[in-house]
Structures are given as structure tokens and as C-alpha cells.
Amino acid sequence: MRLGFLLVMVGCKFSASSKVDGIDTSIPSGDMNFDDTGAADTGDEPDTDTGEDGDPEEWDDDGDGYTEAEGDCDDDDDTIRPGLPDRCDGIDNDCDGAIDEDAAEEDPYEPNDAIPWDLGQTEKGEPIEVEGFLFDEDDVDMFKFQFEDGWGVDELTVVLSDLSPDIAYKFEIIDLDDGAEELFEDFSTSVDESITFELDGGIGDDDVELQVTISSLGGAGCTTPYRLTINHDGWF
């Protein structure tokens, strides 16, 4: 009986399939490769293209923390974005539509709109020079200085130069010791390179405090500074 059972078992053909707790562990038929992770490699690349690249205005191209959608008016330049000070460079640095509105902070003589900046007393042969600018059409620059007319022959020359053809300058000289009397007033044109005021002190011993006022009748710009030169010359 046992001999017959063994013969029957030998005559059967077994496959390589087995069942372990309900999991089929049989080797699949056909040719199939596997990658390093054990996943089947079918030769097809995964489709990662969703067909939507997004709105370019929502990309921060220059990495400054702001996109065009958030108000960055030049997303190729990280020195231009909302919230920056609008320095004197002729560019809208903070993207608010105005140019150089914070330039007043770069003027070493501000604030001198209502109270004149004191330049001190003139000295013979030692010019006083100031480089300033009118940052907008409402800006007024005021300076004062003391001129001492000694016993010799003293001469005073005040020159406003490096004038921009795009700005109409108003140039005034006021005598602060004589009830703020206006001694001089002139206006520039587009072809003027300078405006000059001359005072002949003559012979005598007189001191005077003068005020220079520079303002705009049209046009302004911090990128076009003017130069104010005060010369005290004379004999003796």
C-alpha cells in the first residue's frame, strides 16, 4: 500500500507555486526586468507634466522676496522691491510710482528749508563750497554766512553753478542784518551755467550776515547737484 502511494506521488508534476498565508509567491511568467528597488521596469517614463506651469507673475525671479503679483516692478533686479528706501539714483527703488522721494535723507544740509544752514565766517582766499540739490520742486535750500569787510578793500562773490538745464533756479541774497532786505534775485534759463552775485565792500570796517536762498520755479532732481561757491577776496 505504501509502495503504491509513493509511486503515485513520483508520477505527479509539481509547479513552483506555493501559497503562504494567502499570498501568491509564484514567479510570474514572461520577460520582466526589475530596478534597484525591486519595482518592475516597464521601460515607460513617469508622466510628471501636469500641463500647468503657473502664473509667471507669481514667480520671484530675483529672489528678493517679492513677486510681480506682490508689487515688484523689476523682478530681474533684487535691489528694486516694495519697502526699500528710494535713494537718489533716478530709479523707483520701492515701486511706488515716485522717483527719489527719499533723496532728502542723502542731502547733508537738510533740513535747511526754514532755518538757514550756518556756513560760518568767510576768510580771504579760502572759498566756502557747498554741493547740494533740490530733491523736488517744493524744496528750498537756505544758507547763511558772515562777511567781514575789513579796513582794506574787500570783495565778495557768490556763485551758483553746475546748473541743470532741466531746472529753473531762483537765486536770492538777503541781508539778515538789515531787516532781511533782499540784495539780489535772479533766475536761470536752460542755457545758463551759473548765476553770480558780487558785493564790493569798499574801504571800511563793516560786518554783515547774508543769507542765500536757492529754490525751483520748475523741475528738480537729486541726480543733478548744484554748486554754491562763496569767495572773499581783497587787498590788505
C-alpha atoms as a PDB file:
ATOM      1  CA  MET A   1       0.000   0.000   0.000  1.00  0.00           C
ATOM      2  CA  ARG A   2       2.767   2.440   0.911  1.00  0.00           C
ATOM      3  CA  LEU A   3       4.678   1.455  -2.191  1.00  0.00           C
ATOM      4  CA  GLY A   4       1.688   2.326  -4.360  1.00  0.00           C
ATOM      5  CA  PHE A   5       1.304   5.779  -2.707  1.00  0.00           C
ATOM      6  CA  LEU A   6       4.964   6.644  -3.342  1.00  0.00           C
ATOM      7  CA  LEU A   7       4.661   5.641  -6.961  1.00  0.00           C
ATOM      8  CA  VAL A   8       1.629   7.892  -7.344  1.00  0.00           C
ATOM      9  CA  MET A   9       3.500  10.815  -5.787  1.00  0.00           C
ATOM     10  CA  VAL A  10       6.540  10.333  -8.025  1.00  0.00           C
ATOM     11  CA  GLY A  11       4.304  10.381 -11.084  1.00  0.00           C
ATOM     12  CA  CYS A  12       2.843  13.816 -10.247  1.00  0.00           C
ATOM     13  CA  LYS A  13       4.289  17.068 -11.747  1.00  0.00           C
ATOM     14  CA  PHE A  14       4.737  19.924  -9.264  1.00  0.00           C
ATOM     15  CA  SER A  15       4.867  23.636 -10.194  1.00  0.00           C
ATOM     16  CA  ALA A  16       6.968  26.255  -8.397  1.00  0.00           C
ATOM     17  CA  SER A  17       3.892  27.882  -6.956  1.00  0.00           C
ATOM     18  CA  SER A  18       3.053  27.903  -3.325  1.00  0.00           C
ATOM     19  CA  LYS A  19       0.695  29.735  -1.023  1.00  0.00           C
ATOM     20  CA  VAL A  20       1.887  31.371   2.190  1.00  0.00           C
ATOM     21  CA  ASP A  21      -0.842  32.824   4.345  1.00  0.00           C
ATOM     22  CA  GLY A  22      -2.904  33.687   1.307  1.00  0.00           C
ATOM     23  CA  ILE A  23      -0.050  35.412  -0.606  1.00  0.00           C
ATOM     24  CA  ASP A  24       0.828  34.150  -4.051  1.00  0.00           C
ATOM     25  CA  THR A  25       4.633  33.773  -4.204  1.00  0.00           C
ATOM     26  CA  SER A  26       4.725  32.219  -7.639  1.00  0.00           C
ATOM     27  CA  ILE A  27       7.272  33.515 -10.146  1.00  0.00           C
ATOM     28  CA  PRO A  28       5.387  35.361 -12.914  1.00  0.00           C
ATOM     29  CA  SER A  29       5.780  34.131 -16.423  1.00  0.00           C
ATOM     30  CA  GLY A  30       7.158  36.178 -19.299  1.00  0.00           C
ATOM     31  CA  ASP A  31      10.162  38.569 -19.559  1.00  0.00           C
ATOM     32  CA  MET A  32      10.225  41.414 -16.998  1.00  0.00           C
ATOM     33  CA  ASN A  33      13.110  43.425 -15.525  1.00  0.00           C
ATOM     34  CA  PHE A  34      13.302  44.930 -12.075  1.00  0.00           C
ATOM     35  CA  ASP A  35      15.060  48.091 -10.983  1.00  0.00           C
ATOM     36  CA  ASP A  36      17.266  48.526  -7.922  1.00  0.00           C
ATOM     37  CA  THR A  37      14.250  48.997  -5.691  1.00  0.00           C
ATOM     38  CA  GLY A  38      12.628  45.808  -6.831  1.00  0.00           C
ATOM     39  CA  ALA A  39       9.930  47.586  -8.795  1.00  0.00           C
ATOM     40  CA  ALA A  40       9.141  46.352 -12.222  1.00  0.00           C
ATOM     41  CA  ASP A  41      10.726  48.390 -15.010  1.00  0.00           C
ATOM     42  CA  THR A  42       8.336  48.582 -17.927  1.00  0.00           C
ATOM     43  CA  GLY A  43      10.523  50.977 -19.924  1.00  0.00           C
ATOM     44  CA  ASP A  44       7.987  53.845 -19.696  1.00  0.00           C
ATOM     45  CA  GLU A  45       8.975  57.182 -18.068  1.00  0.00           C
ATOM     46  CA  PRO A  46       6.537  58.512 -15.472  1.00  0.00           C
ATOM     47  CA  ASP A  47       4.353  61.395 -16.643  1.00  0.00           C
ATOM     48  CA  THR A  48       5.131  64.342 -14.356  1.00  0.00           C
ATOM     49  CA  ASP A  49       3.826  67.105 -16.655  1.00  0.00           C
ATOM     50  CA  THR A  50       0.587  68.409 -15.214  1.00  0.00           C
ATOM     51  CA  GLY A  51       0.185  70.841 -18.098  1.00  0.00           C
ATOM     52  CA  GLU A  52       0.133  73.832 -15.693  1.00  0.00           C
ATOM     53  CA  ASP A  53       3.330  75.911 -15.276  1.00  0.00           C
ATOM     54  CA  GLY A  54       1.692  78.550 -13.052  1.00  0.00           C
ATOM     55  CA  ASP A  55       1.423  82.333 -13.454  1.00  0.00           C
ATOM     56  CA  PRO A  56       4.854  83.925 -14.209  1.00  0.00           C
ATOM     57  CA  GLU A  57       3.831  86.990 -12.226  1.00  0.00           C
ATOM     58  CA  GLU A  58       3.809  84.812  -9.113  1.00  0.00           C
ATOM     59  CA  TRP A  59       7.436  83.748  -9.561  1.00  0.00           C
ATOM     60  CA  ASP A  60      10.148  85.551  -7.558  1.00  0.00           C
ATOM     61  CA  ASP A  61      12.764  85.625 -10.307  1.00  0.00           C
ATOM     62  CA  ASP A  62      15.365  87.749  -8.480  1.00  0.00           C
ATOM     63  CA  GLY A  63      14.928  86.156  -5.049  1.00  0.00           C
ATOM     64  CA  ASP A  64      14.196  89.402  -3.192  1.00  0.00           C
ATOM     65  CA  GLY A  65      11.076  88.075  -1.504  1.00  0.00           C
ATOM     66  CA  TYR A  66       8.574  89.815  -3.790  1.00  0.00           C
ATOM     67  CA  THR A  67       6.884  88.716  -6.994  1.00  0.00           C
ATOM     68  CA  GLU A  68       5.404  90.883  -9.704  1.00  0.00           C
ATOM     69  CA  ALA A  69       1.983  89.987  -8.344  1.00  0.00           C
ATOM     70  CA  GLU A  70       3.109  91.373  -4.968  1.00  0.00           C
ATOM     71  CA  GLY A  71       4.273  94.677  -6.470  1.00  0.00           C
ATOM     72  CA  ASP A  72       7.866  94.034  -7.583  1.00  0.00           C
ATOM     73  CA  CYS A  73       8.228  96.401 -10.542  1.00  0.00           C
ATOM     74  CA  ASP A  74      11.555  94.870 -11.692  1.00  0.00           C
ATOM     75  CA  ASP A  75      11.749  91.185 -10.855  1.00  0.00           C
ATOM     76  CA  ASP A  76      15.159  90.877 -12.517  1.00  0.00           C
ATOM     77  CA  ASP A  77      16.833  93.217 -10.001  1.00  0.00           C
ATOM     78  CA  ASP A  78      16.902  92.343  -6.289  1.00  0.00           C
ATOM     79  CA  THR A  79      17.724  95.964  -5.361  1.00  0.00           C
ATOM     80  CA  ILE A  80      14.250  97.028  -6.510  1.00  0.00           C
ATOM     81  CA  ARG A  81      11.215  95.931  -4.494  1.00  0.00           C
ATOM     82  CA  PRO A  82       8.475  97.357  -2.267  1.00  0.00           C
ATOM     83  CA  GLY A  83       9.620  98.576   1.137  1.00  0.00           C
ATOM     84  CA  LEU A  84      13.101  99.805   0.171  1.00  0.00           C
ATOM     85  CA  PRO A  85      14.203 103.424   0.651  1.00  0.00           C
ATOM     86  CA  ASP A  86      14.007 105.309  -2.642  1.00  0.00           C
ATOM     87  CA  ARG A  87      17.596 106.532  -2.805  1.00  0.00           C
ATOM     88  CA  CYS A  88      18.969 109.123  -5.183  1.00  0.00           C
ATOM     89  CA  ASP A  89      19.633 107.223  -8.404  1.00  0.00           C
ATOM     90  CA  GLY A  90      16.836 108.185 -10.789  1.00  0.00           C
ATOM     91  CA  ILE A  91      15.123 104.791 -10.242  1.00  0.00           C
ATOM     92  CA  ASP A  92      11.875 103.907  -8.491  1.00  0.00           C
ATOM     93  CA  ASN A  93      13.561 101.641  -5.892  1.00  0.00           C
ATOM     94  CA  ASP A  94      10.411 100.965  -3.843  1.00  0.00           C
ATOM     95  CA  CYS A  95       7.993 100.519  -6.761  1.00  0.00           C
ATOM     96  CA  ASP A  96       5.530 103.159  -5.563  1.00  0.00           C
ATOM     97  CA  GLY A  97       5.439 105.141  -8.802  1.00  0.00           C
ATOM     98  CA  ALA A  98       7.557 108.046  -7.465  1.00  0.00           C
ATOM     99  CA  ILE A  99      11.287 108.521  -8.056  1.00  0.00           C
ATOM    100  CA  ASP A 100      13.920 109.555  -5.480  1.00  0.00           C
ATOM    101  CA  GLU A 101      11.350 110.741  -2.920  1.00  0.00           C
ATOM    102  CA  ASP A 102      13.646 109.696  -0.049  1.00  0.00           C
ATOM    103  CA  ALA A 103      16.636 111.549  -1.511  1.00  0.00           C
ATOM    104  CA  ALA A 104      16.375 114.337   1.066  1.00  0.00           C
ATOM    105  CA  GLU A 105      17.956 111.955   3.581  1.00  0.00           C
ATOM    106  CA  GLU A 106      21.120 111.938   1.444  1.00  0.00           C
ATOM    107  CA  ASP A 107      21.470 115.742   1.495  1.00  0.00           C
ATOM    108  CA  PRO A 108      23.970 116.585   4.286  1.00  0.00           C
ATOM    109  CA  TYR A 109      22.486 120.101   4.626  1.00  0.00           C
ATOM    110  CA  GLU A 110      18.887 119.021   5.250  1.00  0.00           C
ATOM    111  CA  PRO A 111      16.820 120.264   6.902  1.00  0.00           C
ATOM    112  CA  ASN A 112      17.569 123.791   5.706  1.00  0.00           C
ATOM    113  CA  ASP A 113      14.182 124.695   4.265  1.00  0.00           C
ATOM    114  CA  ALA A 114      13.055 127.025   7.064  1.00  0.00           C
ATOM    115  CA  ILE A 115      16.219 127.618   9.119  1.00  0.00           C
ATOM    116  CA  PRO A 116      19.362 128.589   7.166  1.00  0.00           C
ATOM    117  CA  TRP A 117      22.353 126.284   7.414  1.00  0.00           C
ATOM    118  CA  ASP A 118      25.174 128.251   9.060  1.00  0.00           C
ATOM    119  CA  LEU A 119      28.355 128.161   6.949  1.00  0.00           C
ATOM    120  CA  GLY A 120      30.299 130.355   9.363  1.00  0.00           C
ATOM    121  CA  GLN A 121      32.508 133.330   8.555  1.00  0.00           C
ATOM    122  CA  THR A 122      34.291 133.838   5.282  1.00  0.00           C
ATOM    123  CA  GLU A 123      38.080 134.074   5.151  1.00  0.00           C
ATOM    124  CA  LYS A 124      40.099 135.830   2.467  1.00  0.00           C
ATOM    125  CA  GLY A 125      41.440 133.441  -0.108  1.00  0.00           C
ATOM    126  CA  GLU A 126      39.540 130.455   1.353  1.00  0.00           C
ATOM    127  CA  PRO A 127      36.360 129.813  -0.626  1.00  0.00           C
ATOM    128  CA  ILE A 128      33.374 128.161   1.004  1.00  0.00           C
ATOM    129  CA  GLU A 129      31.919 125.473  -1.263  1.00  0.00           C
ATOM    130  CA  VAL A 130      28.630 123.625  -0.936  1.00  0.00           C
ATOM    131  CA  GLU A 131      27.243 120.869  -3.149  1.00  0.00           C
ATOM    132  CA  GLY A 132      23.502 120.452  -2.750  1.00  0.00           C
ATOM    133  CA  PHE A 133      20.404 119.581  -4.724  1.00  0.00           C
ATOM    134  CA  LEU A 134      16.710 120.327  -4.963  1.00  0.00           C
ATOM    135  CA  PHE A 135      15.133 116.912  -4.477  1.00  0.00           C
ATOM    136  CA  ASP A 136      11.678 118.116  -5.571  1.00  0.00           C
ATOM    137  CA  GLU A 137      10.018 121.322  -6.785  1.00  0.00           C
ATOM    138  CA  ASP A 138       8.987 122.297  -3.234  1.00  0.00           C
ATOM    139  CA  ASP A 139      12.491 122.012  -1.789  1.00  0.00           C
ATOM    140  CA  VAL A 140      14.093 125.274  -0.634  1.00  0.00           C
ATOM    141  CA  ASP A 141      17.763 125.394   0.376  1.00  0.00           C
ATOM    142  CA  MET A 142      18.869 128.191   2.688  1.00  0.00           C
ATOM    143  CA  PHE A 143      22.411 129.036   3.845  1.00  0.00           C
ATOM    144  CA  LYS A 144      23.800 131.910   5.879  1.00  0.00           C
ATOM    145  CA  PHE A 145      27.336 133.209   6.390  1.00  0.00           C
ATOM    146  CA  GLN A 146      29.190 136.175   7.903  1.00  0.00           C
ATOM    147  CA  PHE A 147      31.199 138.502   5.697  1.00  0.00           C
ATOM    148  CA  GLU A 148      33.650 140.823   7.443  1.00  0.00           C
ATOM    149  CA  ASP A 149      34.641 143.876   5.430  1.00  0.00           C
ATOM    150  CA  GLY A 150      37.967 144.869   6.961  1.00  0.00           C
ATOM    151  CA  TRP A 151      39.929 148.121   6.703  1.00  0.00           C
ATOM    152  CA  GLY A 152      41.256 147.102   3.338  1.00  0.00           C
ATOM    153  CA  VAL A 153      39.354 146.657   0.104  1.00  0.00           C
ATOM    154  CA  ASP A 154      37.194 143.517   0.392  1.00  0.00           C
ATOM    155  CA  GLU A 155      35.166 141.874  -2.330  1.00  0.00           C
ATOM    156  CA  LEU A 156      32.543 139.160  -2.038  1.00  0.00           C
ATOM    157  CA  THR A 157      31.434 136.888  -4.879  1.00  0.00           C
ATOM    158  CA  VAL A 158      28.690 134.276  -4.506  1.00  0.00           C
ATOM    159  CA  VAL A 159      28.305 131.893  -7.456  1.00  0.00           C
ATOM    160  CA  LEU A 160      25.620 129.275  -8.088  1.00  0.00           C
ATOM    161  CA  SER A 161      26.983 126.914 -10.743  1.00  0.00           C
ATOM    162  CA  ASP A 162      26.637 123.423 -12.254  1.00  0.00           C
ATOM    163  CA  LEU A 163      23.079 124.310 -13.143  1.00  0.00           C
ATOM    164  CA  SER A 164      20.882 121.678 -14.765  1.00  0.00           C
ATOM    165  CA  PRO A 165      19.122 122.818 -17.965  1.00  0.00           C
ATOM    166  CA  ASP A 166      16.036 120.931 -16.762  1.00  0.00           C
ATOM    167  CA  ILE A 167      15.637 123.079 -13.649  1.00  0.00           C
ATOM    168  CA  ALA A 168      14.650 126.748 -13.427  1.00  0.00           C
ATOM    169  CA  TYR A 169      16.595 128.009 -10.378  1.00  0.00           C
ATOM    170  CA  LYS A 170      15.667 131.011  -8.284  1.00  0.00           C
ATOM    171  CA  PHE A 171      18.735 132.534  -6.568  1.00  0.00           C
ATOM    172  CA  GLU A 172      18.391 135.148  -3.798  1.00  0.00           C
ATOM    173  CA  ILE A 173      20.781 137.008  -1.489  1.00  0.00           C
ATOM    174  CA  ILE A 174      19.272 138.563   1.666  1.00  0.00           C
ATOM    175  CA  ASP A 175      20.867 140.919   4.197  1.00  0.00           C
ATOM    176  CA  LEU A 176      19.888 139.486   7.595  1.00  0.00           C
ATOM    177  CA  ASP A 177      21.344 142.492   9.439  1.00  0.00           C
ATOM    178  CA  ASP A 178      19.124 144.982   7.661  1.00  0.00           C
ATOM    179  CA  GLY A 179      15.623 143.667   8.200  1.00  0.00           C
ATOM    180  CA  ALA A 180      16.041 140.774   5.757  1.00  0.00           C
ATOM    181  CA  GLU A 181      16.477 143.164   2.857  1.00  0.00           C
ATOM    182  CA  GLU A 182      16.780 141.474  -0.493  1.00  0.00           C
ATOM    183  CA  LEU A 183      20.060 142.439  -2.143  1.00  0.00           C
ATOM    184  CA  PHE A 184      19.848 140.226  -5.201  1.00  0.00           C
ATOM    185  CA  GLU A 185      17.454 137.993  -7.122  1.00  0.00           C
ATOM    186  CA  ASP A 186      17.946 136.162 -10.398  1.00  0.00           C
ATOM    187  CA  PHE A 187      16.571 133.199 -12.321  1.00  0.00           C
ATOM    188  CA  SER A 188      18.289 130.683 -14.540  1.00  0.00           C
ATOM    189  CA  THR A 189      17.352 129.641 -18.052  1.00  0.00           C
ATOM    190  CA  SER A 190      18.105 126.379 -19.819  1.00  0.00           C
ATOM    191  CA  VAL A 191      21.303 127.843 -21.289  1.00  0.00           C
ATOM    192  CA  ASP A 192      22.704 129.319 -18.059  1.00  0.00           C
ATOM    193  CA  GLU A 193      25.633 127.503 -16.497  1.00  0.00           C
ATOM    194  CA  SER A 194      25.883 129.804 -13.466  1.00  0.00           C
ATOM    195  CA  ILE A 195      24.450 132.845 -11.663  1.00  0.00           C
ATOM    196  CA  THR A 196      26.792 135.313  -9.934  1.00  0.00           C
ATOM    197  CA  PHE A 197      26.290 137.888  -7.185  1.00  0.00           C
ATOM    198  CA  GLU A 198      29.042 140.432  -6.427  1.00  0.00           C
ATOM    199  CA  LEU A 199      29.351 142.744  -3.434  1.00  0.00           C
ATOM    200  CA  ASP A 200      32.000 145.468  -3.360  1.00  0.00           C
ATOM    201  CA  GLY A 201      32.697 146.107   0.278  1.00  0.00           C
ATOM    202  CA  GLY A 202      34.849 149.106  -0.495  1.00  0.00           C
ATOM    203  CA  ILE A 203      37.002 150.620   2.199  1.00  0.00           C
ATOM    204  CA  GLY A 204      35.676 150.379   5.709  1.00  0.00           C
ATOM    205  CA  ASP A 205      35.119 148.104   8.672  1.00  0.00           C
ATOM    206  CA  ASP A 206      31.710 146.532   8.286  1.00  0.00           C
ATOM    207  CA  ASP A 207      30.384 143.067   9.109  1.00  0.00           C
ATOM    208  CA  VAL A 208      27.266 141.672   7.503  1.00  0.00           C
ATOM    209  CA  GLU A 209      25.359 138.393   7.771  1.00  0.00           C
ATOM    210  CA  LEU A 210      23.936 137.246   4.471  1.00  0.00           C
ATOM    211  CA  GLN A 211      21.501 134.512   3.520  1.00  0.00           C
ATOM    212  CA  VAL A 212      21.499 132.563   0.258  1.00  0.00           C
ATOM    213  CA  THR A 213      18.197 131.023  -0.836  1.00  0.00           C
ATOM    214  CA  ILE A 214      18.015 128.506  -3.682  1.00  0.00           C
ATOM    215  CA  SER A 215      14.680 127.203  -4.920  1.00  0.00           C
ATOM    216  CA  SER A 216      12.988 125.894  -8.054  1.00  0.00           C
ATOM    217  CA  LEU A 217      10.490 127.515 -10.378  1.00  0.00           C
ATOM    218  CA  GLY A 218      10.169 124.243 -12.242  1.00  0.00           C
ATOM    219  CA  GLY A 219      11.985 120.947 -12.297  1.00  0.00           C
ATOM    220  CA  ALA A 220      14.119 119.241  -9.676  1.00  0.00           C
ATOM    221  CA  GLY A 221      16.360 116.245  -9.242  1.00  0.00           C
ATOM    222  CA  CYS A 222      18.860 114.919  -6.754  1.00  0.00           C
ATOM    223  CA  THR A 223      20.972 113.425  -9.535  1.00  0.00           C
ATOM    224  CA  THR A 224      21.858 116.949 -10.745  1.00  0.00           C
ATOM    225  CA  PRO A 225      23.529 118.718  -7.790  1.00  0.00           C
ATOM    226  CA  TYR A 226      24.358 122.396  -7.921  1.00  0.00           C
ATOM    227  CA  ARG A 227      27.489 124.062  -6.510  1.00  0.00           C
ATOM    228  CA  LEU A 228      27.453 127.141  -4.308  1.00  0.00           C
ATOM    229  CA  THR A 229      30.810 128.954  -4.017  1.00  0.00           C
ATOM    230  CA  ILE A 230      31.431 131.928  -1.723  1.00  0.00           C
ATOM    231  CA  ASN A 231      34.659 133.831  -2.401  1.00  0.00           C
ATOM    232  CA  HIS A 232      36.084 136.523  -0.144  1.00  0.00           C
ATOM    233  CA  ASP A 233      38.888 138.448  -1.822  1.00  0.00           C
ATOM    234  CA  GLY A 234      40.534 141.820  -1.191  1.00  0.00           C
ATOM    235  CA  TRP A 235      43.639 143.891  -0.584  1.00  0.00           C
ATOM    236  CA  PHE A 236      45.419 144.275   2.714  1.00  0.00           C
END
